[in-house]
C-alpha atoms as a PDB file:
ATOM      1  CA  UNK A   1       0.254 -23.742   3.993  1.00  0.00           C
ATOM      2  CA  UNK A   2      -3.490 -23.138   4.031  1.00  0.00           C
ATOM      3  CA  UNK A   3      -5.885 -21.482   6.448  1.00  0.00           C
ATOM      4  CA  UNK A   4      -6.899 -23.871   9.203  1.00  0.00           C
ATOM      5  CA  UNK A   5      -8.226 -24.084  12.731  1.00  0.00           C
ATOM      6  CA  UNK A   6      -4.775 -22.965  13.931  1.00  0.00           C
ATOM      7  CA  UNK A   7      -5.573 -19.409  12.885  1.00  0.00           C
ATOM      8  CA  UNK A   8      -5.347 -16.884  15.707  1.00  0.00           C
ATOM      9  CA  UNK A   9      -8.907 -15.628  16.043  1.00  0.00           C
ATOM     10  CA  UNK A  10      -8.887 -11.838  16.333  1.00  0.00           C
ATOM     11  CA  UNK A  11     -12.071  -9.836  15.889  1.00  0.00           C
ATOM     12  CA  UNK A  12     -12.101  -7.823  12.623  1.00  0.00           C
ATOM     13  CA  UNK A  13     -11.411  -4.581  14.476  1.00  0.00           C
ATOM     14  CA  UNK A  14      -9.623  -4.015  17.753  1.00  0.00           C
ATOM     15  CA  UNK A  15     -10.037  -0.524  19.133  1.00  0.00           C
ATOM     16  CA  UNK A  16     -10.561   1.889  16.262  1.00  0.00           C
ATOM     17  CA  UNK A  17      -8.905   0.186  13.317  1.00  0.00           C
ATOM     18  CA  UNK A  18      -8.668  -3.136  11.509  1.00  0.00           C
ATOM     19  CA  UNK A  19      -5.300  -4.711  10.678  1.00  0.00           C
ATOM     20  CA  UNK A  20      -4.602  -6.266   7.272  1.00  0.00           C
ATOM     21  CA  UNK A  21      -1.687  -7.954   5.570  1.00  0.00           C
ATOM     22  CA  UNK A  22      -0.552  -7.494   1.998  1.00  0.00           C
ATOM     23  CA  UNK A  23       0.685  -9.747  -0.822  1.00  0.00           C
ATOM     24  CA  UNK A  24       3.670  -7.429  -1.344  1.00  0.00           C
ATOM     25  CA  UNK A  25       4.952  -8.413   2.113  1.00  0.00           C
ATOM     26  CA  UNK A  26       5.308 -11.970   0.794  1.00  0.00           C
ATOM     27  CA  UNK A  27       6.918 -10.968  -2.509  1.00  0.00           C
ATOM     28  CA  UNK A  28       3.750 -10.889  -4.637  1.00  0.00           C
ATOM     29  CA  UNK A  29       3.036  -7.615  -6.423  1.00  0.00           C
ATOM     30  CA  UNK A  30       3.061  -5.952  -9.839  1.00  0.00           C
ATOM     31  CA  UNK A  31       6.798  -6.435 -10.407  1.00  0.00           C
ATOM     32  CA  UNK A  32       6.872 -10.147  -9.570  1.00  0.00           C
ATOM     33  CA  UNK A  33       3.523 -11.835 -10.234  1.00  0.00           C
ATOM     34  CA  UNK A  34       3.662 -13.691 -13.529  1.00  0.00           C
ATOM     35  CA  UNK A  35       7.427 -13.287 -13.878  1.00  0.00           C
ATOM     36  CA  UNK A  36       9.132 -14.420 -10.658  1.00  0.00           C
ATOM     37  CA  UNK A  37       9.526 -18.134  -9.941  1.00  0.00           C
ATOM     38  CA  UNK A  38       9.484 -17.598  -6.181  1.00  0.00           C
ATOM     39  CA  UNK A  39       6.041 -15.985  -5.984  1.00  0.00           C
ATOM     40  CA  UNK A  40       3.799 -17.904  -3.596  1.00  0.00           C
ATOM     41  CA  UNK A  41       0.588 -19.489  -4.785  1.00  0.00           C
ATOM     42  CA  UNK A  42      -2.530 -17.637  -3.697  1.00  0.00           C
ATOM     43  CA  UNK A  43      -3.699 -20.328  -1.256  1.00  0.00           C
ATOM     44  CA  UNK A  44      -0.310 -20.487   0.435  1.00  0.00           C
ATOM     45  CA  UNK A  45      -0.160 -16.733   0.803  1.00  0.00           C
ATOM     46  CA  UNK A  46      -3.699 -16.488   2.164  1.00  0.00           C
ATOM     47  CA  UNK A  47      -2.856 -19.236   4.630  1.00  0.00           C
ATOM     48  CA  UNK A  48       0.128 -17.335   5.953  1.00  0.00           C
ATOM     49  CA  UNK A  49      -1.862 -14.088   6.288  1.00  0.00           C
ATOM     50  CA  UNK A  50      -4.798 -15.764   8.020  1.00  0.00           C
ATOM     51  CA  UNK A  51      -2.545 -17.880  10.220  1.00  0.00           C
ATOM     52  CA  UNK A  52      -0.760 -14.783  11.495  1.00  0.00           C
ATOM     53  CA  UNK A  53      -4.088 -13.343  12.629  1.00  0.00           C
ATOM     54  CA  UNK A  54      -4.698 -10.545  10.159  1.00  0.00           C
ATOM     55  CA  UNK A  55      -8.330  -9.537   9.603  1.00  0.00           C
ATOM     56  CA  UNK A  56      -7.934  -8.563   5.958  1.00  0.00           C
ATOM     57  CA  UNK A  57      -5.679  -8.412   2.933  1.00  0.00           C
ATOM     58  CA  UNK A  58      -5.057  -6.119  -0.007  1.00  0.00           C
ATOM     59  CA  UNK A  59      -5.802  -7.418  -3.484  1.00  0.00           C
ATOM     60  CA  UNK A  60      -2.400  -7.463  -5.151  1.00  0.00           C
ATOM     61  CA  UNK A  61      -2.411  -7.723  -8.966  1.00  0.00           C
ATOM     62  CA  UNK A  62      -5.952  -8.370 -10.201  1.00  0.00           C
ATOM     63  CA  UNK A  63      -6.515 -12.099 -10.560  1.00  0.00           C
ATOM     64  CA  UNK A  64      -3.568 -13.184  -8.420  1.00  0.00           C
ATOM     65  CA  UNK A  65      -5.704 -14.160  -5.426  1.00  0.00           C
ATOM     66  CA  UNK A  66      -8.443 -15.491  -7.711  1.00  0.00           C
ATOM     67  CA  UNK A  67     -11.391 -14.078  -9.604  1.00  0.00           C
ATOM     68  CA  UNK A  68     -15.117 -13.725  -8.923  1.00  0.00           C
ATOM     69  CA  UNK A  69     -16.546 -16.730  -7.034  1.00  0.00           C
ATOM     70  CA  UNK A  70     -13.083 -18.233  -6.601  1.00  0.00           C
ATOM     71  CA  UNK A  71     -11.807 -15.108  -4.875  1.00  0.00           C
ATOM     72  CA  UNK A  72     -14.911 -14.892  -2.696  1.00  0.00           C
ATOM     73  CA  UNK A  73     -14.584 -18.512  -1.598  1.00  0.00           C
ATOM     74  CA  UNK A  74     -10.859 -18.225  -0.891  1.00  0.00           C
ATOM     75  CA  UNK A  75     -11.227 -15.146   1.294  1.00  0.00           C
ATOM     76  CA  UNK A  76     -14.201 -16.621   3.128  1.00  0.00           C
ATOM     77  CA  UNK A  77     -12.266 -19.822   3.819  1.00  0.00           C
ATOM     78  CA  UNK A  78      -9.334 -17.800   5.141  1.00  0.00           C
ATOM     79  CA  UNK A  79     -11.625 -15.536   7.173  1.00  0.00           C
ATOM     80  CA  UNK A  80     -10.237 -12.413   5.498  1.00  0.00           C
ATOM     81  CA  UNK A  81     -11.922  -9.237   4.278  1.00  0.00           C
ATOM     82  CA  UNK A  82     -10.650  -7.095   1.413  1.00  0.00           C
ATOM     83  CA  UNK A  83      -8.806  -3.964   2.523  1.00  0.00           C
ATOM     84  CA  UNK A  84      -7.937  -2.332  -0.805  1.00  0.00           C
ATOM     85  CA  UNK A  85      -6.537  -2.622  -4.283  1.00  0.00           C
ATOM     86  CA  UNK A  86      -3.552  -0.680  -5.634  1.00  0.00           C
ATOM     87  CA  UNK A  87      -3.545   0.890  -9.090  1.00  0.00           C
ATOM     88  CA  UNK A  88      -1.103   3.334 -10.735  1.00  0.00           C
ATOM     89  CA  UNK A  89      -2.516   5.752 -13.285  1.00  0.00           C
ATOM     90  CA  UNK A  90      -1.031   8.541 -15.470  1.00  0.00           C
ATOM     91  CA  UNK A  91      -3.194  11.313 -14.037  1.00  0.00           C
ATOM     92  CA  UNK A  92      -1.408  14.170 -15.803  1.00  0.00           C
ATOM     93  CA  UNK A  93      -1.897  12.685 -19.310  1.00  0.00           C
ATOM     94  CA  UNK A  94      -5.600  12.631 -20.321  1.00  0.00           C
ATOM     95  CA  UNK A  95      -5.135  10.283 -23.274  1.00  0.00           C
ATOM     96  CA  UNK A  96      -2.951   7.833 -21.369  1.00  0.00           C
ATOM     97  CA  UNK A  97      -5.368   7.938 -18.428  1.00  0.00           C
ATOM     98  CA  UNK A  98      -8.256   7.044 -20.701  1.00  0.00           C
ATOM     99  CA  UNK A  99      -6.322   4.021 -21.962  1.00  0.00           C
ATOM    100  CA  UNK A 100      -5.409   2.843 -18.447  1.00  0.00           C
ATOM    101  CA  UNK A 101      -8.658   3.536 -16.570  1.00  0.00           C
ATOM    102  CA  UNK A 102      -9.693  -0.073 -17.152  1.00  0.00           C
ATOM    103  CA  UNK A 103      -7.060  -1.065 -14.577  1.00  0.00           C
ATOM    104  CA  UNK A 104      -9.067   0.773 -11.936  1.00  0.00           C
ATOM    105  CA  UNK A 105     -12.339  -0.704 -13.154  1.00  0.00           C
ATOM    106  CA  UNK A 106     -10.841  -4.186 -12.822  1.00  0.00           C
ATOM    107  CA  UNK A 107      -9.978  -3.519  -9.171  1.00  0.00           C
ATOM    108  CA  UNK A 108     -13.504  -2.326  -8.442  1.00  0.00           C
ATOM    109  CA  UNK A 109     -14.985  -5.273 -10.341  1.00  0.00           C
ATOM    110  CA  UNK A 110     -13.064  -7.541  -7.948  1.00  0.00           C
ATOM    111  CA  UNK A 111     -14.512  -5.604  -5.008  1.00  0.00           C
ATOM    112  CA  UNK A 112     -18.016  -5.950  -6.450  1.00  0.00           C
ATOM    113  CA  UNK A 113     -17.601  -9.714  -6.716  1.00  0.00           C
ATOM    114  CA  UNK A 114     -16.729  -9.897  -3.014  1.00  0.00           C
ATOM    115  CA  UNK A 115     -19.841  -8.078  -1.850  1.00  0.00           C
ATOM    116  CA  UNK A 116     -19.892  -7.482   1.938  1.00  0.00           C
ATOM    117  CA  UNK A 117     -16.286  -8.671   2.304  1.00  0.00           C
ATOM    118  CA  UNK A 118     -15.192  -5.566   0.391  1.00  0.00           C
ATOM    119  CA  UNK A 119     -17.550  -2.994   1.844  1.00  0.00           C
ATOM    120  CA  UNK A 120     -14.623  -1.143   3.472  1.00  0.00           C
ATOM    121  CA  UNK A 121     -12.164  -1.744   0.619  1.00  0.00           C
ATOM    122  CA  UNK A 122     -10.483   1.254  -0.951  1.00  0.00           C
ATOM    123  CA  UNK A 123      -9.136   1.816  -4.444  1.00  0.00           C
ATOM    124  CA  UNK A 124      -5.549   2.824  -3.632  1.00  0.00           C
ATOM    125  CA  UNK A 125      -4.612   5.357  -6.304  1.00  0.00           C
ATOM    126  CA  UNK A 126      -1.024   6.255  -7.167  1.00  0.00           C
ATOM    127  CA  UNK A 127       0.601   8.221  -9.944  1.00  0.00           C
ATOM    128  CA  UNK A 128       2.308   6.207 -12.681  1.00  0.00           C
ATOM    129  CA  UNK A 129       5.459   8.321 -12.634  1.00  0.00           C
ATOM    130  CA  UNK A 130       8.088   8.309 -15.365  1.00  0.00           C
ATOM    131  CA  UNK A 131      11.453   6.672 -16.107  1.00  0.00           C
ATOM    132  CA  UNK A 132      13.237   9.819 -14.920  1.00  0.00           C
ATOM    133  CA  UNK A 133      11.383   9.880 -11.619  1.00  0.00           C
ATOM    134  CA  UNK A 134      11.962   6.162 -11.109  1.00  0.00           C
ATOM    135  CA  UNK A 135      15.712   6.742 -11.552  1.00  0.00           C
ATOM    136  CA  UNK A 136      15.647   9.585  -9.017  1.00  0.00           C
ATOM    137  CA  UNK A 137      13.687   8.489  -5.936  1.00  0.00           C
ATOM    138  CA  UNK A 138      13.437  11.217  -3.330  1.00  0.00           C
ATOM    139  CA  UNK A 139      15.229  13.850  -5.412  1.00  0.00           C
ATOM    140  CA  UNK A 140      12.113  16.004  -5.796  1.00  0.00           C
ATOM    141  CA  UNK A 141      12.355  16.847  -2.102  1.00  0.00           C
ATOM    142  CA  UNK A 142      15.332  19.084  -2.925  1.00  0.00           C
ATOM    143  CA  UNK A 143      14.982  19.603  -6.683  1.00  0.00           C
ATOM    144  CA  UNK A 144      11.546  20.680  -7.870  1.00  0.00           C
ATOM    145  CA  UNK A 145      12.725  20.877 -11.477  1.00  0.00           C
ATOM    146  CA  UNK A 146      12.002  17.165 -11.942  1.00  0.00           C
ATOM    147  CA  UNK A 147       8.395  17.692 -10.864  1.00  0.00           C
ATOM    148  CA  UNK A 148       5.377  18.404 -13.017  1.00  0.00           C
ATOM    149  CA  UNK A 149       4.977  21.750 -14.757  1.00  0.00           C
ATOM    150  CA  UNK A 150       2.026  23.960 -13.810  1.00  0.00           C
ATOM    151  CA  UNK A 151       0.229  22.843 -16.972  1.00  0.00           C
ATOM    152  CA  UNK A 152       0.854  19.206 -16.149  1.00  0.00           C
ATOM    153  CA  UNK A 153      -0.375  19.791 -12.608  1.00  0.00           C
ATOM    154  CA  UNK A 154      -3.642  21.107 -13.979  1.00  0.00           C
ATOM    155  CA  UNK A 155      -3.974  17.968 -16.066  1.00  0.00           C
ATOM    156  CA  UNK A 156      -3.129  15.900 -13.001  1.00  0.00           C
ATOM    157  CA  UNK A 157      -5.805  17.591 -10.919  1.00  0.00           C
ATOM    158  CA  UNK A 158      -8.420  17.116 -13.641  1.00  0.00           C
ATOM    159  CA  UNK A 159      -7.470  13.472 -14.089  1.00  0.00           C
ATOM    160  CA  UNK A 160      -7.492  12.757 -10.367  1.00  0.00           C
ATOM    161  CA  UNK A 161     -10.846  14.498  -9.911  1.00  0.00           C
ATOM    162  CA  UNK A 162     -12.425  12.409 -12.659  1.00  0.00           C
ATOM    163  CA  UNK A 163     -10.918   9.223 -11.235  1.00  0.00           C
ATOM    164  CA  UNK A 164     -12.114   9.937  -7.709  1.00  0.00           C
ATOM    165  CA  UNK A 165     -15.594  10.602  -9.072  1.00  0.00           C
ATOM    166  CA  UNK A 166     -15.484   7.287 -10.950  1.00  0.00           C
ATOM    167  CA  UNK A 167     -14.686   5.447  -7.715  1.00  0.00           C
ATOM    168  CA  UNK A 168     -17.490   7.147  -5.824  1.00  0.00           C
ATOM    169  CA  UNK A 169     -19.986   6.428  -8.585  1.00  0.00           C
ATOM    170  CA  UNK A 170     -19.169   2.746  -8.069  1.00  0.00           C
ATOM    171  CA  UNK A 171     -19.683   3.077  -4.306  1.00  0.00           C
ATOM    172  CA  UNK A 172     -16.019   3.068  -3.217  1.00  0.00           C
ATOM    173  CA  UNK A 173     -14.134   5.810  -1.410  1.00  0.00           C
ATOM    174  CA  UNK A 174     -10.592   6.033  -2.837  1.00  0.00           C
ATOM    175  CA  UNK A 175      -7.341   6.907  -1.148  1.00  0.00           C
ATOM    176  CA  UNK A 176      -4.284   8.510  -2.758  1.00  0.00           C
ATOM    177  CA  UNK A 177      -0.892   6.865  -2.224  1.00  0.00           C
ATOM    178  CA  UNK A 178       2.235   9.050  -2.553  1.00  0.00           C
ATOM    179  CA  UNK A 179       4.761   6.620  -3.994  1.00  0.00           C
ATOM    180  CA  UNK A 180       8.515   6.640  -4.540  1.00  0.00           C
ATOM    181  CA  UNK A 181       9.550   7.122  -8.152  1.00  0.00           C
ATOM    182  CA  UNK A 182       6.363   8.952  -9.162  1.00  0.00           C
ATOM    183  CA  UNK A 183       5.258  12.553  -9.538  1.00  0.00           C
ATOM    184  CA  UNK A 184       3.784  12.560  -6.035  1.00  0.00           C
ATOM    185  CA  UNK A 185       6.357  11.508  -3.457  1.00  0.00           C
ATOM    186  CA  UNK A 186       7.887  14.687  -1.968  1.00  0.00           C
ATOM    187  CA  UNK A 187       6.248  16.664   0.821  1.00  0.00           C
ATOM    188  CA  UNK A 188       5.389  19.586  -1.463  1.00  0.00           C
ATOM    189  CA  UNK A 189       3.875  17.301  -4.096  1.00  0.00           C
ATOM    190  CA  UNK A 190       1.660  15.601  -1.513  1.00  0.00           C
ATOM    191  CA  UNK A 191       0.551  18.999  -0.208  1.00  0.00           C
ATOM    192  CA  UNK A 192      -0.395  20.104  -3.716  1.00  0.00           C
ATOM    193  CA  UNK A 193      -2.556  17.026  -4.261  1.00  0.00           C
ATOM    194  CA  UNK A 194      -4.339  17.492  -0.951  1.00  0.00           C
ATOM    195  CA  UNK A 195      -4.874  21.218  -1.482  1.00  0.00           C
ATOM    196  CA  UNK A 196      -6.382  20.713  -4.942  1.00  0.00           C
ATOM    197  CA  UNK A 197      -8.647  17.735  -4.211  1.00  0.00           C
ATOM    198  CA  UNK A 198     -10.810  16.143  -1.544  1.00  0.00           C
ATOM    199  CA  UNK A 199      -9.309  12.671  -1.910  1.00  0.00           C
ATOM    200  CA  UNK A 200      -8.195  10.876   1.241  1.00  0.00           C
ATOM    201  CA  UNK A 201      -4.532  10.142   1.897  1.00  0.00           C
ATOM    202  CA  UNK A 202      -2.947   6.707   2.037  1.00  0.00           C
ATOM    203  CA  UNK A 203      -0.387   7.228   4.780  1.00  0.00           C
ATOM    204  CA  UNK A 204       2.593   5.047   3.843  1.00  0.00           C
ATOM    205  CA  UNK A 205       5.403   5.488   6.339  1.00  0.00           C
ATOM    206  CA  UNK A 206       8.059   3.897   4.125  1.00  0.00           C
ATOM    207  CA  UNK A 207       7.348   5.851   0.968  1.00  0.00           C
ATOM    208  CA  UNK A 208       7.134   9.093   2.946  1.00  0.00           C
ATOM    209  CA  UNK A 209      10.700   8.557   4.154  1.00  0.00           C
ATOM    210  CA  UNK A 210      11.926   7.706   0.646  1.00  0.00           C
ATOM    211  CA  UNK A 211      10.281  10.908  -0.569  1.00  0.00           C
ATOM    212  CA  UNK A 212      12.146  12.948   2.038  1.00  0.00           C
ATOM    213  CA  UNK A 213       9.290  13.509   4.501  1.00  0.00           C
ATOM    214  CA  UNK A 214       9.128  12.727   8.207  1.00  0.00           C
ATOM    215  CA  UNK A 215       6.254  10.262   8.758  1.00  0.00           C
ATOM    216  CA  UNK A 216       5.255  11.574  12.180  1.00  0.00           C
ATOM    217  CA  UNK A 217       5.270  15.194  11.027  1.00  0.00           C
ATOM    218  CA  UNK A 218       3.251  14.181   7.977  1.00  0.00           C
ATOM    219  CA  UNK A 219       0.659  12.574  10.220  1.00  0.00           C
ATOM    220  CA  UNK A 220       0.482  15.694  12.355  1.00  0.00           C
ATOM    221  CA  UNK A 221      -0.079  17.845   9.251  1.00  0.00           C
ATOM    222  CA  UNK A 222      -2.419  15.614   7.282  1.00  0.00           C
ATOM    223  CA  UNK A 223      -3.932  13.279   9.845  1.00  0.00           C
ATOM    224  CA  UNK A 224      -7.451  14.539   9.152  1.00  0.00           C
ATOM    225  CA  UNK A 225      -7.080  13.413   5.511  1.00  0.00           C
ATOM    226  CA  UNK A 226      -5.719   9.934   6.237  1.00  0.00           C
ATOM    227  CA  UNK A 227      -8.254   7.231   5.331  1.00  0.00           C
ATOM    228  CA  UNK A 228      -5.893   4.269   4.755  1.00  0.00           C
ATOM    229  CA  UNK A 229      -2.542   3.311   6.289  1.00  0.00           C
ATOM    230  CA  UNK A 230       0.404   1.316   4.944  1.00  0.00           C
ATOM    231  CA  UNK A 231       2.611   0.741   7.969  1.00  0.00           C
ATOM    232  CA  UNK A 232       6.284   0.053   7.260  1.00  0.00           C
ATOM    233  CA  UNK A 233       9.506   0.350   9.203  1.00  0.00           C
ATOM    234  CA  UNK A 234      12.938   1.017   7.736  1.00  0.00           C
ATOM    235  CA  UNK A 235      16.209   2.781   8.473  1.00  0.00           C
ATOM    236  CA  UNK A 236      17.305   6.163   7.216  1.00  0.00           C
ATOM    237  CA  UNK A 237      20.651   4.677   6.105  1.00  0.00           C
ATOM    238  CA  UNK A 238      18.963   2.100   3.851  1.00  0.00           C
ATOM    239  CA  UNK A 239      16.711   4.737   2.306  1.00  0.00           C
ATOM    240  CA  UNK A 240      19.659   7.087   1.765  1.00  0.00           C
ATOM    241  CA  UNK A 241      21.518   4.366  -0.145  1.00  0.00           C
ATOM    242  CA  UNK A 242      18.483   3.784  -2.347  1.00  0.00           C
ATOM    243  CA  UNK A 243      18.254   7.467  -3.195  1.00  0.00           C
ATOM    244  CA  UNK A 244      21.989   7.876  -3.818  1.00  0.00           C
ATOM    245  CA  UNK A 245      22.532   4.650  -5.781  1.00  0.00           C
ATOM    246  CA  UNK A 246      19.596   5.243  -8.117  1.00  0.00           C
ATOM    247  CA  UNK A 247      18.801   1.516  -8.323  1.00  0.00           C
ATOM    248  CA  UNK A 248      15.430   0.418  -9.654  1.00  0.00           C
ATOM    249  CA  UNK A 249      12.651  -0.622  -7.320  1.00  0.00           C
ATOM    250  CA  UNK A 250      13.082  -4.361  -7.932  1.00  0.00           C
ATOM    251  CA  UNK A 251      16.763  -4.276  -6.971  1.00  0.00           C
ATOM    252  CA  UNK A 252      15.916  -2.192  -3.912  1.00  0.00           C
ATOM    253  CA  UNK A 253      13.252  -4.626  -2.731  1.00  0.00           C
ATOM    254  CA  UNK A 254      15.562  -7.600  -3.277  1.00  0.00           C
ATOM    255  CA  UNK A 255      17.676  -6.143  -0.473  1.00  0.00           C
ATOM    256  CA  UNK A 256      14.718  -6.413   1.943  1.00  0.00           C
ATOM    257  CA  UNK A 257      14.906  -2.725   2.923  1.00  0.00           C
ATOM    258  CA  UNK A 258      11.938  -2.780   5.302  1.00  0.00           C
ATOM    259  CA  UNK A 259      12.534  -4.131   8.785  1.00  0.00           C
ATOM    260  CA  UNK A 260      10.123  -5.764  11.172  1.00  0.00           C
ATOM    261  CA  UNK A 261       8.011  -3.227  13.044  1.00  0.00           C
ATOM    262  CA  UNK A 262       9.933  -1.551  15.826  1.00  0.00           C
ATOM    263  CA  UNK A 263      13.371  -2.468  14.463  1.00  0.00           C
ATOM    264  CA  UNK A 264      13.943   0.536  12.193  1.00  0.00           C
ATOM    265  CA  UNK A 265      13.953   4.315  12.545  1.00  0.00           C
ATOM    266  CA  UNK A 266      10.209   4.899  12.103  1.00  0.00           C
ATOM    267  CA  UNK A 267       8.608   5.899  15.406  1.00  0.00           C
ATOM    268  CA  UNK A 268       5.906   3.236  15.244  1.00  0.00           C
ATOM    269  CA  UNK A 269       4.624   3.686  18.828  1.00  0.00           C
ATOM    270  CA  UNK A 270       4.170   7.443  18.315  1.00  0.00           C
ATOM    271  CA  UNK A 271       2.365   6.844  15.021  1.00  0.00           C
ATOM    272  CA  UNK A 272       0.028   4.308  16.603  1.00  0.00           C
ATOM    273  CA  UNK A 273      -0.687   6.708  19.460  1.00  0.00           C
ATOM    274  CA  UNK A 274      -1.536   9.473  17.009  1.00  0.00           C
ATOM    275  CA  UNK A 275      -3.848   7.221  15.007  1.00  0.00           C
ATOM    276  CA  UNK A 276      -5.553   6.215  18.226  1.00  0.00           C
ATOM    277  CA  UNK A 277      -5.901   9.838  19.309  1.00  0.00           C
ATOM    278  CA  UNK A 278      -7.748  10.785  16.115  1.00  0.00           C
ATOM    279  CA  UNK A 279      -9.872   7.603  16.369  1.00  0.00           C
ATOM    280  CA  UNK A 280      -8.708   6.316  13.000  1.00  0.00           C
ATOM    281  CA  UNK A 281     -11.208   3.607  12.069  1.00  0.00           C
ATOM    282  CA  UNK A 282     -10.129   2.402   8.643  1.00  0.00           C
ATOM    283  CA  UNK A 283      -7.687  -0.291   7.500  1.00  0.00           C
ATOM    284  CA  UNK A 284      -4.116  -0.379   8.738  1.00  0.00           C
ATOM    285  CA  UNK A 285      -2.162  -2.529   6.282  1.00  0.00           C
ATOM    286  CA  UNK A 286       1.219  -3.898   7.360  1.00  0.00           C
ATOM    287  CA  UNK A 287       3.705  -3.877   4.485  1.00  0.00           C
ATOM    288  CA  UNK A 288       7.300  -4.962   3.963  1.00  0.00           C
ATOM    289  CA  UNK A 289       7.792  -4.733   0.201  1.00  0.00           C
ATOM    290  CA  UNK A 290      10.159  -7.523  -0.804  1.00  0.00           C
ATOM    291  CA  UNK A 291      11.311  -9.521  -3.826  1.00  0.00           C
ATOM    292  CA  UNK A 292      12.018 -13.164  -2.944  1.00  0.00           C
ATOM    293  CA  UNK A 293      15.056 -14.946  -4.295  1.00  0.00           C
ATOM    294  CA  UNK A 294      15.222 -18.203  -2.294  1.00  0.00           C
ATOM    295  CA  UNK A 295      13.047 -20.732  -0.442  1.00  0.00           C
ATOM    296  CA  UNK A 296      14.610 -19.545   2.809  1.00  0.00           C
ATOM    297  CA  UNK A 297      13.358 -16.045   2.110  1.00  0.00           C
ATOM    298  CA  UNK A 298       9.761 -17.301   1.890  1.00  0.00           C
ATOM    299  CA  UNK A 299       9.790 -18.603   5.441  1.00  0.00           C
ATOM    300  CA  UNK A 300      11.682 -15.557   6.668  1.00  0.00           C
ATOM    301  CA  UNK A 301       9.109 -13.092   5.350  1.00  0.00           C
ATOM    302  CA  UNK A 302       6.247 -15.242   6.642  1.00  0.00           C
ATOM    303  CA  UNK A 303       7.825 -15.233  10.093  1.00  0.00           C
ATOM    304  CA  UNK A 304       8.286 -11.457   9.871  1.00  0.00           C
ATOM    305  CA  UNK A 305       4.613 -10.894   9.117  1.00  0.00           C
ATOM    306  CA  UNK A 306       3.599 -13.087  12.051  1.00  0.00           C
ATOM    307  CA  UNK A 307       5.982 -11.050  14.235  1.00  0.00           C
ATOM    308  CA  UNK A 308       4.480  -7.780  12.967  1.00  0.00           C
ATOM    309  CA  UNK A 309       0.959  -8.923  13.784  1.00  0.00           C
ATOM    310  CA  UNK A 310       2.040  -9.942  17.280  1.00  0.00           C
ATOM    311  CA  UNK A 311       3.831  -6.588  17.723  1.00  0.00           C
ATOM    312  CA  UNK A 312       0.588  -4.733  16.999  1.00  0.00           C
ATOM    313  CA  UNK A 313      -1.497  -7.097  19.105  1.00  0.00           C
ATOM    314  CA  UNK A 314       0.757  -6.405  22.081  1.00  0.00           C
ATOM    315  CA  UNK A 315      -0.080  -2.736  21.608  1.00  0.00           C
ATOM    316  CA  UNK A 316      -3.818  -3.310  21.652  1.00  0.00           C
ATOM    317  CA  UNK A 317      -4.477  -3.641  17.908  1.00  0.00           C
END
């Protein structure tokens, strides 16, 4: 499928925020691109996102959607702006961070190539985590012993501060994404990051639940720091199985743990009302992280993303 005149023509922003899709919702992200036979081609994916009526898209792995002029032309043809680009970095390890900082530069280089289409794009920063944390998603909510030491936290804060400054020097305002299986997923870890920095928060409803937090309460506490949203829906039972089984992320996503909006336990209407109340005016990115394993799954996830866009449109977004 490719973008065509059948695209539902929404203005870039309805109300106070703009709604974007994400490659990960169609099975294309760091775990799968370059290794998984079922990953959609970039043009097909952009066609699905544009056809569903999204105003923007996140970058996915650098190069997946195209590079430089190719990327610019593809997004222009699809009528999509760039919402953000995700990058995981080892903030608490200065030497490792130095070796990986090029990953962030590559994301911002892609933004630079897009010019005005990326003027609202955000570097989406996440911790890199560790094998132990990946094996124990959500455990830090009740067991702080698997968290960073005070010394490591100091390194983390220094690394994050330098990284945020690097983004701002390039003209981009970053957002920090608490992520399952990393050193910032539990409520107390998020609070420590926000208390020790001025970085904005990427409010990801799904990863908050995995980390043991209540998404609505998190928004009440940290709403003034939220500058990017990843909107997911899921059930507490599915998340509990993930935490108890200790499966890796790829196996978890193969099970399609994220439901269509409004069909899980996340109070989506209350979250949307809260975002509206604070006049949130940045990108809201709809996500349903998934790993595809059949041709039938491709159409199913495409239909789900079209449903999600219609769900939000019915609520004025």
